[in-house]
Amino acid sequence: GGITYYGDSVKGRFTISRDNAKNTV
């Protein structure tokens, strides 16, 4: 979860994250 990349059209508006204990992104 320490490294993320975004498409140009969503940068600054979308955020990706994950909870590995729940196997969920």
mmCIF file of all heavy atoms, coordinates in Angstrom:
data_MODEL
# 
_entry.id   MODEL 
# 
loop_
_atom_site.group_PDB 
_atom_site.id 
_atom_site.type_symbol 
_atom_site.label_atom_id 
_atom_site.label_alt_id 
_atom_site.label_comp_id 
_atom_site.label_asym_id 
_atom_site.label_entity_id 
_atom_site.label_seq_id 
_atom_site.pdbx_PDB_ins_code 
_atom_site.Cartn_x 
_atom_site.Cartn_y 
_atom_site.Cartn_z 
_atom_site.occupancy 
_atom_site.B_iso_or_equiv 
_atom_site.pdbx_formal_charge 
_atom_site.auth_seq_id 
_atom_site.auth_comp_id 
_atom_site.auth_asym_id 
_atom_site.auth_atom_id 
_atom_site.pdbx_PDB_model_num 
ATOM 1   N N   . GLY A 1 1  ? 0.800   -1.217  0.000   1.00 0.00 ? 1  GLY A N   1 
ATOM 2   C CA  . GLY A 1 1  ? 0.000   0.000   0.000   1.00 0.00 ? 1  GLY A CA  1 
ATOM 3   C C   . GLY A 1 1  ? 0.832   1.265   0.000   1.00 0.00 ? 1  GLY A C   1 
ATOM 4   O O   . GLY A 1 1  ? 0.287   2.369   -0.027  1.00 0.00 ? 1  GLY A O   1 
ATOM 5   N N   . GLY A 1 2  ? 2.139   1.101   -0.007  1.00 0.00 ? 2  GLY A N   1 
ATOM 6   C CA  . GLY A 1 2  ? 2.995   2.262   0.100   1.00 0.00 ? 2  GLY A CA  1 
ATOM 7   C C   . GLY A 1 2  ? 3.234   3.008   -1.192  1.00 0.00 ? 2  GLY A C   1 
ATOM 8   O O   . GLY A 1 2  ? 3.712   4.142   -1.185  1.00 0.00 ? 2  GLY A O   1 
ATOM 9   N N   . ILE A 1 3  ? 2.928   2.368   -2.322  1.00 0.00 ? 3  ILE A N   1 
ATOM 10  C CA  . ILE A 1 3  ? 3.161   2.996   -3.626  1.00 0.00 ? 3  ILE A CA  1 
ATOM 11  C C   . ILE A 1 3  ? 1.868   2.951   -4.425  1.00 0.00 ? 3  ILE A C   1 
ATOM 12  O O   . ILE A 1 3  ? 1.227   1.912   -4.533  1.00 0.00 ? 3  ILE A O   1 
ATOM 13  C CB  . ILE A 1 3  ? 4.263   2.264   -4.411  1.00 0.00 ? 3  ILE A CB  1 
ATOM 14  C CG1 . ILE A 1 3  ? 5.566   2.248   -3.600  1.00 0.00 ? 3  ILE A CG1 1 
ATOM 15  C CG2 . ILE A 1 3  ? 4.497   2.939   -5.756  1.00 0.00 ? 3  ILE A CG2 1 
ATOM 16  C CD1 . ILE A 1 3  ? 6.665   1.424   -4.244  1.00 0.00 ? 3  ILE A CD1 1 
ATOM 17  N N   . THR A 1 4  ? 1.504   4.096   -4.970  1.00 0.00 ? 4  THR A N   1 
ATOM 18  C CA  . THR A 1 4  ? 0.302   4.191   -5.789  1.00 0.00 ? 4  THR A CA  1 
ATOM 19  C C   . THR A 1 4  ? 0.590   4.977   -7.058  1.00 0.00 ? 4  THR A C   1 
ATOM 20  O O   . THR A 1 4  ? 1.497   5.829   -7.091  1.00 0.00 ? 4  THR A O   1 
ATOM 21  C CB  . THR A 1 4  ? -0.838  4.888   -5.025  1.00 0.00 ? 4  THR A CB  1 
ATOM 22  O OG1 . THR A 1 4  ? -0.408  6.198   -4.625  1.00 0.00 ? 4  THR A OG1 1 
ATOM 23  C CG2 . THR A 1 4  ? -1.244  4.106   -3.785  1.00 0.00 ? 4  THR A CG2 1 
ATOM 24  N N   . TYR A 1 5  ? -0.178  4.688   -8.088  1.00 0.00 ? 5  TYR A N   1 
ATOM 25  C CA  . TYR A 1 5  ? -0.117  5.437   -9.340  1.00 0.00 ? 5  TYR A CA  1 
ATOM 26  C C   . TYR A 1 5  ? -1.558  5.709   -9.788  1.00 0.00 ? 5  TYR A C   1 
ATOM 27  O O   . TYR A 1 5  ? -2.447  4.902   -9.543  1.00 0.00 ? 5  TYR A O   1 
ATOM 28  C CB  . TYR A 1 5  ? 0.609   4.642   -10.434 1.00 0.00 ? 5  TYR A CB  1 
ATOM 29  C CG  . TYR A 1 5  ? 2.077   4.424   -10.175 1.00 0.00 ? 5  TYR A CG  1 
ATOM 30  C CD1 . TYR A 1 5  ? 2.529   3.265   -9.562  1.00 0.00 ? 5  TYR A CD1 1 
ATOM 31  C CD2 . TYR A 1 5  ? 3.017   5.379   -10.554 1.00 0.00 ? 5  TYR A CD2 1 
ATOM 32  C CE1 . TYR A 1 5  ? 3.869   3.048   -9.318  1.00 0.00 ? 5  TYR A CE1 1 
ATOM 33  C CE2 . TYR A 1 5  ? 4.369   5.170   -10.320 1.00 0.00 ? 5  TYR A CE2 1 
ATOM 34  C CZ  . TYR A 1 5  ? 4.792   4.013   -9.696  1.00 0.00 ? 5  TYR A CZ  1 
ATOM 35  O OH  . TYR A 1 5  ? 6.128   3.816   -9.452  1.00 0.00 ? 5  TYR A OH  1 
ATOM 36  N N   . TYR A 1 6  ? -1.726  6.845   -10.477 1.00 0.00 ? 6  TYR A N   1 
ATOM 37  C CA  . TYR A 1 6  ? -3.048  7.234   -10.932 1.00 0.00 ? 6  TYR A CA  1 
ATOM 38  C C   . TYR A 1 6  ? -3.020  7.655   -12.391 1.00 0.00 ? 6  TYR A C   1 
ATOM 39  O O   . TYR A 1 6  ? -2.017  8.191   -12.894 1.00 0.00 ? 6  TYR A O   1 
ATOM 40  C CB  . TYR A 1 6  ? -3.574  8.407   -10.094 1.00 0.00 ? 6  TYR A CB  1 
ATOM 41  C CG  . TYR A 1 6  ? -3.793  8.057   -8.644  1.00 0.00 ? 6  TYR A CG  1 
ATOM 42  C CD1 . TYR A 1 6  ? -2.793  8.253   -7.707  1.00 0.00 ? 6  TYR A CD1 1 
ATOM 43  C CD2 . TYR A 1 6  ? -5.008  7.527   -8.220  1.00 0.00 ? 6  TYR A CD2 1 
ATOM 44  C CE1 . TYR A 1 6  ? -2.984  7.920   -6.373  1.00 0.00 ? 6  TYR A CE1 1 
ATOM 45  C CE2 . TYR A 1 6  ? -5.218  7.199   -6.893  1.00 0.00 ? 6  TYR A CE2 1 
ATOM 46  C CZ  . TYR A 1 6  ? -4.199  7.399   -5.977  1.00 0.00 ? 6  TYR A CZ  1 
ATOM 47  O OH  . TYR A 1 6  ? -4.412  7.071   -4.657  1.00 0.00 ? 6  TYR A OH  1 
ATOM 48  N N   . GLY A 1 7  ? -4.160  7.442   -13.043 1.00 0.00 ? 7  GLY A N   1 
ATOM 49  C CA  . GLY A 1 7  ? -4.315  7.977   -14.380 1.00 0.00 ? 7  GLY A CA  1 
ATOM 50  C C   . GLY A 1 7  ? -4.433  9.495   -14.313 1.00 0.00 ? 7  GLY A C   1 
ATOM 51  O O   . GLY A 1 7  ? -4.924  10.043  -13.312 1.00 0.00 ? 7  GLY A O   1 
ATOM 52  N N   . ASP A 1 8  ? -4.025  10.168  -15.365 1.00 0.00 ? 8  ASP A N   1 
ATOM 53  C CA  . ASP A 1 8  ? -4.009  11.633  -15.360 1.00 0.00 ? 8  ASP A CA  1 
ATOM 54  C C   . ASP A 1 8  ? -5.392  12.219  -15.129 1.00 0.00 ? 8  ASP A C   1 
ATOM 55  O O   . ASP A 1 8  ? -5.532  13.263  -14.491 1.00 0.00 ? 8  ASP A O   1 
ATOM 56  C CB  . ASP A 1 8  ? -3.444  12.147  -16.683 1.00 0.00 ? 8  ASP A CB  1 
ATOM 57  C CG  . ASP A 1 8  ? -1.953  11.908  -16.806 1.00 0.00 ? 8  ASP A CG  1 
ATOM 58  O OD1 . ASP A 1 8  ? -1.290  11.688  -15.777 1.00 0.00 ? 8  ASP A OD1 1 
ATOM 59  O OD2 . ASP A 1 8  ? -1.448  11.937  -17.950 1.00 0.00 ? 8  ASP A OD2 1 
ATOM 60  N N   . SER A 1 9  ? -6.412  11.554  -15.631 1.00 0.00 ? 9  SER A N   1 
ATOM 61  C CA  . SER A 1 9  ? -7.759  12.120  -15.552 1.00 0.00 ? 9  SER A CA  1 
ATOM 62  C C   . SER A 1 9  ? -8.348  12.054  -14.143 1.00 0.00 ? 9  SER A C   1 
ATOM 63  O O   . SER A 1 9  ? -9.360  12.715  -13.882 1.00 0.00 ? 9  SER A O   1 
ATOM 64  C CB  . SER A 1 9  ? -8.684  11.394  -16.532 1.00 0.00 ? 9  SER A CB  1 
ATOM 65  O OG  . SER A 1 9  ? -8.757  10.016  -16.212 1.00 0.00 ? 9  SER A OG  1 
ATOM 66  N N   . VAL A 1 10 ? -7.748  11.288  -13.239 1.00 0.00 ? 10 VAL A N   1 
ATOM 67  C CA  . VAL A 1 10 ? -8.313  11.153  -11.894 1.00 0.00 ? 10 VAL A CA  1 
ATOM 68  C C   . VAL A 1 10 ? -7.379  11.656  -10.800 1.00 0.00 ? 10 VAL A C   1 
ATOM 69  O O   . VAL A 1 10 ? -7.762  11.680  -9.622  1.00 0.00 ? 10 VAL A O   1 
ATOM 70  C CB  . VAL A 1 10 ? -8.712  9.694   -11.602 1.00 0.00 ? 10 VAL A CB  1 
ATOM 71  C CG1 . VAL A 1 10 ? -9.647  9.162   -12.677 1.00 0.00 ? 10 VAL A CG1 1 
ATOM 72  C CG2 . VAL A 1 10 ? -7.485  8.797   -11.432 1.00 0.00 ? 10 VAL A CG2 1 
ATOM 73  N N   . LYS A 1 11 ? -6.183  12.049  -11.156 1.00 0.00 ? 11 LYS A N   1 
ATOM 74  C CA  . LYS A 1 11 ? -5.225  12.521  -10.150 1.00 0.00 ? 11 LYS A CA  1 
ATOM 75  C C   . LYS A 1 11 ? -5.800  13.678  -9.352  1.00 0.00 ? 11 LYS A C   1 
ATOM 76  O O   . LYS A 1 11 ? -6.384  14.608  -9.911  1.00 0.00 ? 11 LYS A O   1 
ATOM 77  C CB  . LYS A 1 11 ? -3.928  12.965  -10.826 1.00 0.00 ? 11 LYS A CB  1 
ATOM 78  C CG  . LYS A 1 11 ? -3.014  11.838  -11.206 1.00 0.00 ? 11 LYS A CG  1 
ATOM 79  C CD  . LYS A 1 11 ? -1.751  12.365  -11.865 1.00 0.00 ? 11 LYS A CD  1 
ATOM 80  C CE  . LYS A 1 11 ? -0.856  11.230  -12.313 1.00 0.00 ? 11 LYS A CE  1 
ATOM 81  N NZ  . LYS A 1 11 ? 0.351   11.712  -13.033 1.00 0.00 ? 11 LYS A NZ  1 
ATOM 82  N N   . GLY A 1 12 ? -5.636  13.595  -8.041  1.00 0.00 ? 12 GLY A N   1 
ATOM 83  C CA  . GLY A 1 12 ? -6.122  14.641  -7.157  1.00 0.00 ? 12 GLY A CA  1 
ATOM 84  C C   . GLY A 1 12 ? -7.578  14.497  -6.769  1.00 0.00 ? 12 GLY A C   1 
ATOM 85  O O   . GLY A 1 12 ? -8.050  15.205  -5.872  1.00 0.00 ? 12 GLY A O   1 
ATOM 86  N N   . ARG A 1 13 ? -8.296  13.574  -7.428  1.00 0.00 ? 13 ARG A N   1 
ATOM 87  C CA  . ARG A 1 13 ? -9.720  13.367  -7.108  1.00 0.00 ? 13 ARG A CA  1 
ATOM 88  C C   . ARG A 1 13 ? -9.994  11.978  -6.554  1.00 0.00 ? 13 ARG A C   1 
ATOM 89  O O   . ARG A 1 13 ? -10.870 11.811  -5.715  1.00 0.00 ? 13 ARG A O   1 
ATOM 90  C CB  . ARG A 1 13 ? -10.573 13.583  -8.360  1.00 0.00 ? 13 ARG A CB  1 
ATOM 91  C CG  . ARG A 1 13 ? -10.457 14.974  -8.954  1.00 0.00 ? 13 ARG A CG  1 
ATOM 92  C CD  . ARG A 1 13 ? -11.465 15.183  -10.080 1.00 0.00 ? 13 ARG A CD  1 
ATOM 93  N NE  . ARG A 1 13 ? -11.262 14.265  -11.194 1.00 0.00 ? 13 ARG A NE  1 
ATOM 94  C CZ  . ARG A 1 13 ? -12.193 13.419  -11.634 1.00 0.00 ? 13 ARG A CZ  1 
ATOM 95  N NH1 . ARG A 1 13 ? -13.386 13.379  -11.071 1.00 0.00 ? 13 ARG A NH1 1 
ATOM 96  N NH2 . ARG A 1 13 ? -11.932 12.624  -12.667 1.00 0.00 ? 13 ARG A NH2 1 
ATOM 97  N N   . PHE A 1 14 ? -9.246  10.993  -7.040  1.00 0.00 ? 14 PHE A N   1 
ATOM 98  C CA  . PHE A 1 14 ? -9.456  9.605   -6.615  1.00 0.00 ? 14 PHE A CA  1 
ATOM 99  C C   . PHE A 1 14 ? -8.297  9.162   -5.724  1.00 0.00 ? 14 PHE A C   1 
ATOM 100 O O   . PHE A 1 14 ? -7.152  9.595   -5.909  1.00 0.00 ? 14 PHE A O   1 
ATOM 101 C CB  . PHE A 1 14 ? -9.515  8.672   -7.824  1.00 0.00 ? 14 PHE A CB  1 
ATOM 102 C CG  . PHE A 1 14 ? -10.749 8.823   -8.690  1.00 0.00 ? 14 PHE A CG  1 
ATOM 103 C CD1 . PHE A 1 14 ? -11.629 9.884   -8.531  1.00 0.00 ? 14 PHE A CD1 1 
ATOM 104 C CD2 . PHE A 1 14 ? -11.013 7.882   -9.670  1.00 0.00 ? 14 PHE A CD2 1 
ATOM 105 C CE1 . PHE A 1 14 ? -12.739 10.012  -9.326  1.00 0.00 ? 14 PHE A CE1 1 
ATOM 106 C CE2 . PHE A 1 14 ? -12.134 7.992   -10.485 1.00 0.00 ? 14 PHE A CE2 1 
ATOM 107 C CZ  . PHE A 1 14 ? -12.996 9.069   -10.312 1.00 0.00 ? 14 PHE A CZ  1 
ATOM 108 N N   . THR A 1 15 ? -8.612  8.256   -4.791  1.00 0.00 ? 15 THR A N   1 
ATOM 109 C CA  . THR A 1 15 ? -7.592  7.685   -3.917  1.00 0.00 ? 15 THR A CA  1 
ATOM 110 C C   . THR A 1 15 ? -7.792  6.178   -3.810  1.00 0.00 ? 15 THR A C   1 
ATOM 111 O O   . THR A 1 15 ? -8.887  5.720   -3.478  1.00 0.00 ? 15 THR A O   1 
ATOM 112 C CB  . THR A 1 15 ? -7.656  8.300   -2.512  1.00 0.00 ? 15 THR A CB  1 
ATOM 113 O OG1 . THR A 1 15 ? -7.499  9.721   -2.603  1.00 0.00 ? 15 THR A OG1 1 
ATOM 114 C CG2 . THR A 1 15 ? -6.548  7.734   -1.630  1.00 0.00 ? 15 THR A CG2 1 
ATOM 115 N N   . ILE A 1 16 ? -6.733  5.437   -4.097  1.00 0.00 ? 16 ILE A N   1 
ATOM 116 C CA  . ILE A 1 16 ? -6.772  3.981   -3.949  1.00 0.00 ? 16 ILE A CA  1 
ATOM 117 C C   . ILE A 1 16 ? -6.127  3.603   -2.622  1.00 0.00 ? 16 ILE A C   1 
ATOM 118 O O   . ILE A 1 16 ? -5.131  4.214   -2.203  1.00 0.00 ? 16 ILE A O   1 
ATOM 119 C CB  . ILE A 1 16 ? -6.066  3.288   -5.137  1.00 0.00 ? 16 ILE A CB  1 
ATOM 120 C CG1 . ILE A 1 16 ? -6.287  1.769   -5.086  1.00 0.00 ? 16 ILE A CG1 1 
ATOM 121 C CG2 . ILE A 1 16 ? -4.592  3.645   -5.192  1.00 0.00 ? 16 ILE A CG2 1 
ATOM 122 C CD1 . ILE A 1 16 ? -5.806  1.053   -6.350  1.00 0.00 ? 16 ILE A CD1 1 
ATOM 123 N N   . SER A 1 17 ? -6.702  2.619   -1.960  1.00 0.00 ? 17 SER A N   1 
ATOM 124 C CA  . SER A 1 17 ? -6.146  2.127   -0.701  1.00 0.00 ? 17 SER A CA  1 
ATOM 125 C C   . SER A 1 17 ? -6.486  0.653   -0.569  1.00 0.00 ? 17 SER A C   1 
ATOM 126 O O   . SER A 1 17 ? -7.275  0.121   -1.345  1.00 0.00 ? 17 SER A O   1 
ATOM 127 C CB  . SER A 1 17 ? -6.694  2.922   0.489   1.00 0.00 ? 17 SER A CB  1 
ATOM 128 O OG  . SER A 1 17 ? -8.097  2.772   0.575   1.00 0.00 ? 17 SER A OG  1 
ATOM 129 N N   . ARG A 1 18 ? -5.891  -0.008  0.412   1.00 0.00 ? 18 ARG A N   1 
ATOM 130 C CA  . ARG A 1 18 ? -6.177  -1.427  0.608   1.00 0.00 ? 18 ARG A CA  1 
ATOM 131 C C   . ARG A 1 18 ? -6.093  -1.796  2.073   1.00 0.00 ? 18 ARG A C   1 
ATOM 132 O O   . ARG A 1 18 ? -5.351  -1.171  2.844   1.00 0.00 ? 18 ARG A O   1 
ATOM 133 C CB  . ARG A 1 18 ? -5.225  -2.292  -0.226  1.00 0.00 ? 18 ARG A CB  1 
ATOM 134 C CG  . ARG A 1 18 ? -3.783  -2.226  0.168   1.00 0.00 ? 18 ARG A CG  1 
ATOM 135 C CD  . ARG A 1 18 ? -2.900  -2.904  -0.890  1.00 0.00 ? 18 ARG A CD  1 
ATOM 136 N NE  . ARG A 1 18 ? -3.158  -4.328  -1.006  1.00 0.00 ? 18 ARG A NE  1 
ATOM 137 C CZ  . ARG A 1 18 ? -2.764  -5.076  -2.037  1.00 0.00 ? 18 ARG A CZ  1 
ATOM 138 N NH1 . ARG A 1 18 ? -2.090  -4.524  -3.044  1.00 0.00 ? 18 ARG A NH1 1 
ATOM 139 N NH2 . ARG A 1 18 ? -3.021  -6.376  -2.071  1.00 0.00 ? 18 ARG A NH2 1 
ATOM 140 N N   . ASP A 1 19 ? -6.846  -2.830  2.424   1.00 0.00 ? 19 ASP A N   1 
ATOM 141 C CA  . ASP A 1 19 ? -6.810  -3.400  3.764   1.00 0.00 ? 19 ASP A CA  1 
ATOM 142 C C   . ASP A 1 19 ? -6.485  -4.878  3.572   1.00 0.00 ? 19 ASP A C   1 
ATOM 143 O O   . ASP A 1 19 ? -7.375  -5.677  3.238   1.00 0.00 ? 19 ASP A O   1 
ATOM 144 C CB  . ASP A 1 19 ? -8.160  -3.203  4.461   1.00 0.00 ? 19 ASP A CB  1 
ATOM 145 C CG  . ASP A 1 19 ? -8.162  -3.713  5.888   1.00 0.00 ? 19 ASP A CG  1 
ATOM 146 O OD1 . ASP A 1 19 ? -7.271  -4.525  6.247   1.00 0.00 ? 19 ASP A OD1 1 
ATOM 147 O OD2 . ASP A 1 19 ? -9.045  -3.332  6.650   1.00 0.00 ? 19 ASP A OD2 1 
ATOM 148 N N   . ASN A 1 20 ? -5.233  -5.248  3.754   1.00 0.00 ? 20 ASN A N   1 
ATOM 149 C CA  . ASN A 1 20 ? -4.815  -6.618  3.473   1.00 0.00 ? 20 ASN A CA  1 
ATOM 150 C C   . ASN A 1 20 ? -5.415  -7.625  4.453   1.00 0.00 ? 20 ASN A C   1 
ATOM 151 O O   . ASN A 1 20 ? -5.596  -8.788  4.102   1.00 0.00 ? 20 ASN A O   1 
ATOM 152 C CB  . ASN A 1 20 ? -3.296  -6.711  3.480   1.00 0.00 ? 20 ASN A CB  1 
ATOM 153 C CG  . ASN A 1 20 ? -2.688  -6.018  2.279   1.00 0.00 ? 20 ASN A CG  1 
ATOM 154 O OD1 . ASN A 1 20 ? -3.328  -5.900  1.234   1.00 0.00 ? 20 ASN A OD1 1 
ATOM 155 N ND2 . ASN A 1 20 ? -1.468  -5.540  2.408   1.00 0.00 ? 20 ASN A ND2 1 
ATOM 156 N N   . ALA A 1 21 ? -5.735  -7.193  5.640   1.00 0.00 ? 21 ALA A N   1 
ATOM 157 C CA  . ALA A 1 21 ? -6.370  -8.098  6.606   1.00 0.00 ? 21 ALA A CA  1 
ATOM 158 C C   . ALA A 1 21 ? -7.751  -8.518  6.111   1.00 0.00 ? 21 ALA A C   1 
ATOM 159 O O   . ALA A 1 21 ? -8.231  -9.605  6.445   1.00 0.00 ? 21 ALA A O   1 
ATOM 160 C CB  . ALA A 1 21 ? -6.479  -7.430  7.961   1.00 0.00 ? 21 ALA A CB  1 
ATOM 161 N N   . LYS A 1 22 ? -8.371  -7.669  5.319   1.00 0.00 ? 22 LYS A N   1 
ATOM 162 C CA  . LYS A 1 22 ? -9.704  -7.955  4.779   1.00 0.00 ? 22 LYS A CA  1 
ATOM 163 C C   . LYS A 1 22 ? -9.657  -8.372  3.322   1.00 0.00 ? 22 LYS A C   1 
ATOM 164 O O   . LYS A 1 22 ? -10.716 -8.595  2.704   1.00 0.00 ? 22 LYS A O   1 
ATOM 165 C CB  . LYS A 1 22 ? -10.607 -6.726  4.933   1.00 0.00 ? 22 LYS A CB  1 
ATOM 166 C CG  . LYS A 1 22 ? -10.869 -6.315  6.366   1.00 0.00 ? 22 LYS A CG  1 
ATOM 167 C CD  . LYS A 1 22 ? -11.783 -5.104  6.426   1.00 0.00 ? 22 LYS A CD  1 
ATOM 168 C CE  . LYS A 1 22 ? -12.082 -4.725  7.864   1.00 0.00 ? 22 LYS A CE  1 
ATOM 169 N NZ  . LYS A 1 22 ? -12.981 -3.527  7.943   1.00 0.00 ? 22 LYS A NZ  1 
ATOM 170 N N   . ASN A 1 23 ? -8.453  -8.444  2.749   1.00 0.00 ? 23 ASN A N   1 
ATOM 171 C CA  . ASN A 1 23 ? -8.322  -8.783  1.319   1.00 0.00 ? 23 ASN A CA  1 
ATOM 172 C C   . ASN A 1 23 ? -9.195  -7.883  0.455   1.00 0.00 ? 23 ASN A C   1 
ATOM 173 O O   . ASN A 1 23 ? -9.869  -8.341  -0.476  1.00 0.00 ? 23 ASN A O   1 
ATOM 174 C CB  . ASN A 1 23 ? -8.695  -10.250 1.074   1.00 0.00 ? 23 ASN A CB  1 
ATOM 175 C CG  . ASN A 1 23 ? -7.476  -11.146 0.951   1.00 0.00 ? 23 ASN A CG  1 
ATOM 176 O OD1 . ASN A 1 23 ? -6.347  -10.718 1.187   1.00 0.00 ? 23 ASN A OD1 1 
ATOM 177 N ND2 . ASN A 1 23 ? -7.707  -12.389 0.579   1.00 0.00 ? 23 ASN A ND2 1 
ATOM 178 N N   . THR A 1 24 ? -9.168  -6.594  0.764   1.00 0.00 ? 24 THR A N   1 
ATOM 179 C CA  . THR A 1 24 ? -10.049 -5.642  0.088   1.00 0.00 ? 24 THR A CA  1 
ATOM 180 C C   . THR A 1 24 ? -9.268  -4.416  -0.346  1.00 0.00 ? 24 THR A C   1 
ATOM 181 O O   . THR A 1 24 ? -8.405  -3.932  0.378   1.00 0.00 ? 24 THR A O   1 
ATOM 182 C CB  . THR A 1 24 ? -11.198 -5.212  1.022   1.00 0.00 ? 24 THR A CB  1 
ATOM 183 O OG1 . THR A 1 24 ? -11.941 -6.379  1.404   1.00 0.00 ? 24 THR A OG1 1 
ATOM 184 C CG2 . THR A 1 24 ? -12.141 -4.241  0.319   1.00 0.00 ? 24 THR A CG2 1 
ATOM 185 N N   . VAL A 1 25 ? -9.584  -3.933  -1.531  1.00 0.00 ? 25 VAL A N   1 
ATOM 186 C CA  . VAL A 1 25 ? -9.019  -2.689  -2.038  1.00 0.00 ? 25 VAL A CA  1 
ATOM 187 C C   . VAL A 1 25 ? -10.174 -1.712  -2.285  1.00 0.00 ? 25 VAL A C   1 
ATOM 188 O O   . VAL A 1 25 ? -11.289 -2.126  -2.608  1.00 0.00 ? 25 VAL A O   1 
ATOM 189 C CB  . VAL A 1 25 ? -8.194  -2.931  -3.322  1.00 0.00 ? 25 VAL A CB  1 
ATOM 190 C CG1 . VAL A 1 25 ? -9.073  -3.442  -4.454  1.00 0.00 ? 25 VAL A CG1 1 
ATOM 191 C CG2 . VAL A 1 25 ? -7.453  -1.679  -3.737  1.00 0.00 ? 25 VAL A CG2 1 
# 
